[in-house]
Protein backbone atom coordinates (compact mmCIF):
# COMPACT_ATOMS: atom_id res chain seq x y z
CA MET A 1 -42.08 -77.95 68.15
CA ALA A 2 -39.23 -80.50 68.03
CA ALA A 3 -36.75 -77.62 67.92
CA GLU A 4 -38.49 -76.10 70.95
CA ILE A 5 -38.15 -79.35 72.91
CA SER A 6 -34.50 -79.76 71.85
CA ALA A 7 -33.77 -76.15 72.81
CA HIS A 8 -35.21 -76.84 76.25
CA ALA A 9 -32.88 -79.82 76.68
CA ARG A 10 -29.86 -77.81 75.43
CA LYS A 11 -30.47 -74.85 77.75
CA TRP A 12 -29.59 -76.99 80.76
CA GLY A 13 -26.05 -77.45 79.55
CA PRO A 14 -24.03 -80.61 79.88
CA ALA A 15 -22.69 -79.77 83.35
CA VAL A 16 -26.13 -79.26 84.87
CA ILE A 17 -27.44 -82.45 83.25
CA ALA A 18 -24.51 -84.46 84.56
CA LEU A 19 -24.96 -82.94 88.01
CA ALA A 20 -28.71 -83.71 88.04
CA LEU A 21 -28.12 -87.32 86.97
CA GLY A 22 -25.33 -87.68 89.51
CA VAL A 23 -27.51 -86.35 92.32
CA ALA A 24 -30.39 -88.65 91.34
CA ALA A 25 -28.10 -91.69 91.16
CA LEU A 26 -26.42 -90.79 94.45
CA ALA A 27 -29.77 -90.28 96.16
CA ALA A 28 -31.03 -93.60 94.84
CA ALA A 29 -27.86 -95.39 95.95
CA THR A 30 -27.85 -93.71 99.36
CA LEU A 31 -31.52 -94.49 99.93
CA SER A 32 -31.00 -98.09 98.87
CA GLN A 33 -28.12 -98.50 101.30
CA ALA A 34 -29.75 -96.62 104.16
CA PHE A 35 -33.04 -98.45 103.98
CA ALA A 36 -31.95 -101.93 102.92
CA GLY A 37 -34.61 -104.26 104.17
CA GLU A 38 -37.53 -101.95 103.44
CA GLY A 39 -37.26 -103.34 99.91
CA ASP A 40 -40.42 -102.77 97.93
CA THR A 41 -41.33 -99.37 99.39
CA LEU A 42 -37.89 -97.94 98.82
CA ALA A 43 -37.59 -99.47 95.35
CA LEU A 44 -40.95 -97.88 94.43
CA GLU A 45 -39.75 -94.48 95.67
CA VAL A 46 -36.58 -94.79 93.58
CA LYS A 47 -38.56 -95.89 90.50
CA ALA A 48 -40.99 -93.00 90.96
CA THR A 49 -38.04 -90.60 91.16
CA TYR A 50 -36.60 -92.01 87.95
CA LEU A 51 -39.97 -91.66 86.17
CA ILE A 52 -39.98 -87.98 87.10
CA LYS A 53 -36.30 -87.38 86.29
CA LEU A 54 -36.14 -89.18 82.91
CA PRO A 55 -38.17 -86.74 80.71
CA PRO A 56 -35.63 -83.87 80.59
CA PHE A 57 -33.13 -86.32 79.08
CA ILE A 58 -35.42 -87.36 76.24
CA THR A 59 -36.20 -85.39 73.09
CA TRP A 60 -39.72 -85.94 71.75
CA PRO A 61 -40.76 -85.13 68.17
CA GLY A 62 -43.19 -82.26 67.66
CA ASP A 63 -46.19 -84.56 67.17
CA ALA A 64 -45.76 -86.15 70.63
CA PHE A 65 -48.29 -83.67 71.99
CA PRO A 66 -51.76 -83.03 70.54
CA SER A 67 -51.37 -79.27 70.98
CA SER A 68 -49.03 -76.63 72.35
CA VAL A 69 -51.00 -76.54 75.61
CA SER A 70 -51.35 -80.31 76.12
CA PRO A 71 -49.97 -81.60 79.40
CA PHE A 72 -47.04 -83.94 79.71
CA THR A 73 -48.79 -87.23 80.52
CA LEU A 74 -47.21 -89.98 82.57
CA CYS A 75 -49.32 -93.13 82.26
CA VAL A 76 -49.29 -96.05 84.68
CA VAL A 77 -50.58 -99.17 82.96
CA GLY A 78 -52.21 -101.92 84.99
CA GLN A 79 -52.10 -102.15 88.75
CA ASP A 80 -50.54 -98.92 90.08
CA PRO A 81 -47.81 -99.83 92.59
CA PHE A 82 -47.13 -96.17 93.46
CA GLY A 83 -50.41 -95.18 95.08
CA ASP A 84 -50.38 -91.41 95.43
CA LEU A 85 -46.57 -91.16 95.36
CA LEU A 86 -46.40 -89.86 91.78
CA ASP A 87 -49.32 -87.46 92.28
CA LYS A 88 -47.69 -85.92 95.35
CA ALA A 89 -44.25 -85.68 93.74
CA LEU A 90 -45.65 -84.04 90.59
CA ALA A 91 -48.20 -81.71 92.20
CA GLY A 92 -47.70 -78.24 90.75
CA LYS A 93 -44.63 -79.32 88.77
CA ARG A 94 -43.90 -79.03 85.08
CA LEU A 95 -41.99 -81.42 82.82
CA ILE A 96 -40.35 -80.05 79.68
CA ASP A 97 -42.22 -76.78 80.19
CA ARG A 98 -45.66 -78.42 80.38
CA PRO A 99 -48.07 -79.11 83.22
CA VAL A 100 -48.04 -82.78 84.25
CA ALA A 101 -50.90 -85.26 84.31
CA VAL A 102 -50.74 -88.75 85.79
CA LEU A 103 -53.11 -91.13 84.02
CA ARG A 104 -53.88 -94.65 85.22
CA ILE A 105 -55.12 -97.05 82.56
CA ASP A 106 -55.76 -100.79 82.43
CA THR A 107 -54.24 -101.31 78.98
CA ALA A 108 -52.64 -98.85 76.59
CA ALA A 109 -54.18 -98.25 73.20
CA GLN A 110 -52.65 -96.68 70.12
CA ASP A 111 -54.35 -93.38 70.95
CA SER A 112 -53.37 -93.31 74.64
CA PRO A 113 -52.12 -89.76 75.37
CA CYS A 114 -48.90 -90.89 77.11
CA GLN A 115 -45.43 -89.41 76.73
CA VAL A 116 -44.07 -91.79 79.40
CA MET A 117 -45.79 -95.14 79.91
CA TYR A 118 -44.84 -97.21 82.95
CA VAL A 119 -45.95 -100.84 82.74
CA ALA A 120 -45.81 -102.43 86.18
CA ALA A 121 -45.17 -106.08 86.86
CA GLY A 122 -48.45 -107.86 87.42
CA PRO A 123 -51.34 -109.65 85.78
CA GLN A 124 -52.10 -106.99 83.16
CA PRO A 125 -51.43 -107.56 79.45
CA ALA A 126 -48.05 -105.78 79.28
CA VAL A 127 -47.05 -107.05 75.86
CA LYS A 128 -50.30 -105.77 74.34
CA SER A 129 -49.75 -102.31 75.88
CA LEU A 130 -46.14 -102.12 74.65
CA GLN A 131 -47.20 -103.18 71.16
CA ALA A 132 -50.01 -100.62 71.12
CA VAL A 133 -47.57 -97.71 71.35
CA ALA A 134 -44.78 -99.18 69.18
CA GLY A 135 -43.64 -96.53 66.71
CA ARG A 136 -45.36 -93.75 68.66
CA PRO A 137 -43.34 -91.11 70.56
CA VAL A 138 -43.81 -92.79 73.94
CA LEU A 139 -41.03 -93.61 76.39
CA THR A 140 -42.00 -97.06 77.66
CA VAL A 141 -40.70 -98.10 81.08
CA THR A 142 -40.97 -101.61 82.52
CA ASP A 143 -39.99 -103.59 85.58
CA SER A 144 -37.50 -106.36 84.85
CA ALA A 145 -38.96 -107.62 81.57
CA VAL A 146 -42.68 -107.66 82.37
CA ASP A 147 -44.30 -110.72 80.79
CA GLY A 148 -41.06 -111.32 78.88
CA ALA A 149 -41.18 -107.88 77.25
CA LYS A 150 -39.07 -104.83 78.00
CA GLY A 151 -39.73 -101.17 77.52
CA ILE A 152 -37.24 -98.65 76.17
CA VAL A 153 -36.18 -98.22 79.79
CA ASN A 154 -36.25 -101.28 81.99
CA PHE A 155 -35.74 -101.15 85.74
CA ILE A 156 -33.54 -103.87 87.17
CA LEU A 157 -32.40 -104.52 90.72
CA ARG A 158 -28.63 -105.01 90.90
CA ASP A 159 -26.66 -105.07 94.18
CA ASN A 160 -29.73 -103.69 96.03
CA HIS A 161 -29.90 -100.69 93.70
CA VAL A 162 -32.46 -99.85 91.05
CA ARG A 163 -30.59 -99.58 87.76
CA LEU A 164 -31.60 -98.80 84.19
CA GLU A 165 -31.35 -100.89 81.04
CA ILE A 166 -31.90 -98.72 77.97
CA ASP A 167 -32.92 -99.93 74.52
CA GLN A 168 -31.60 -97.23 72.21
CA ALA A 169 -32.93 -99.05 69.13
CA GLY A 170 -36.41 -99.07 70.72
CA ALA A 171 -36.14 -95.35 71.36
CA ILE A 172 -35.32 -94.75 67.72
CA ARG A 173 -38.29 -96.88 66.63
CA ASN A 174 -40.49 -94.67 68.82
CA ARG A 175 -38.86 -91.54 67.36
CA LEU A 176 -37.25 -90.53 70.66
CA GLU A 177 -33.72 -89.30 71.22
CA ILE A 178 -32.04 -90.23 74.50
CA SER A 179 -29.37 -87.93 75.90
CA SER A 180 -25.87 -89.34 76.03
CA LYS A 181 -25.82 -88.26 79.69
CA LEU A 182 -28.65 -90.68 80.48
CA LEU A 183 -27.05 -93.43 78.39
CA SER A 184 -23.82 -92.99 80.36
CA VAL A 185 -25.48 -93.84 83.70
CA ALA A 186 -27.36 -96.92 82.45
CA ALA A 187 -26.33 -100.37 83.65
CA SER A 188 -26.62 -101.54 80.04
CA VAL A 189 -27.53 -100.04 76.68
CA THR A 190 -28.84 -101.90 73.63
CA PRO A 191 -27.22 -99.99 70.78
CA LYS A 192 -28.95 -98.37 67.80
């Protein structure tokens, strides 16, 4: 299964991956500049786009999915800031050759079926959710160090643009491999 996921990532080829990342970054930058002042709504749209675009640049181990027909599950932990934005964007789509499910949960548990887990800023117990999936093949994503804790990917706002901080050591602990193409567009990378 891991070889199948890696083969999927390799079939895109470096040029297509670089182009896709470049288009996503350009779109995010253009939107940020064009709609400066609409702040939160635009930032949420950019973050939602990143959540959808990150998975092809991650390699999950074979045991990341309960079965060969399990969906790719994107979990939103705590108060969902996106509303129906993710559902609309992912309707009928597939991520890494799997149907997509969006799951909203109050707090993550060790058995939460997430491949990507977004922990929004807010009054929910973020640290507990991040600890619950530590060591599991889950890409954790946070907003600017939620409750003092960061996910493997952390969104930051820099110069009115949503940027990525990536914790490569955290990815390794969760048995995930991050593409060098994604690492190259991050604002900062915590090394292995």
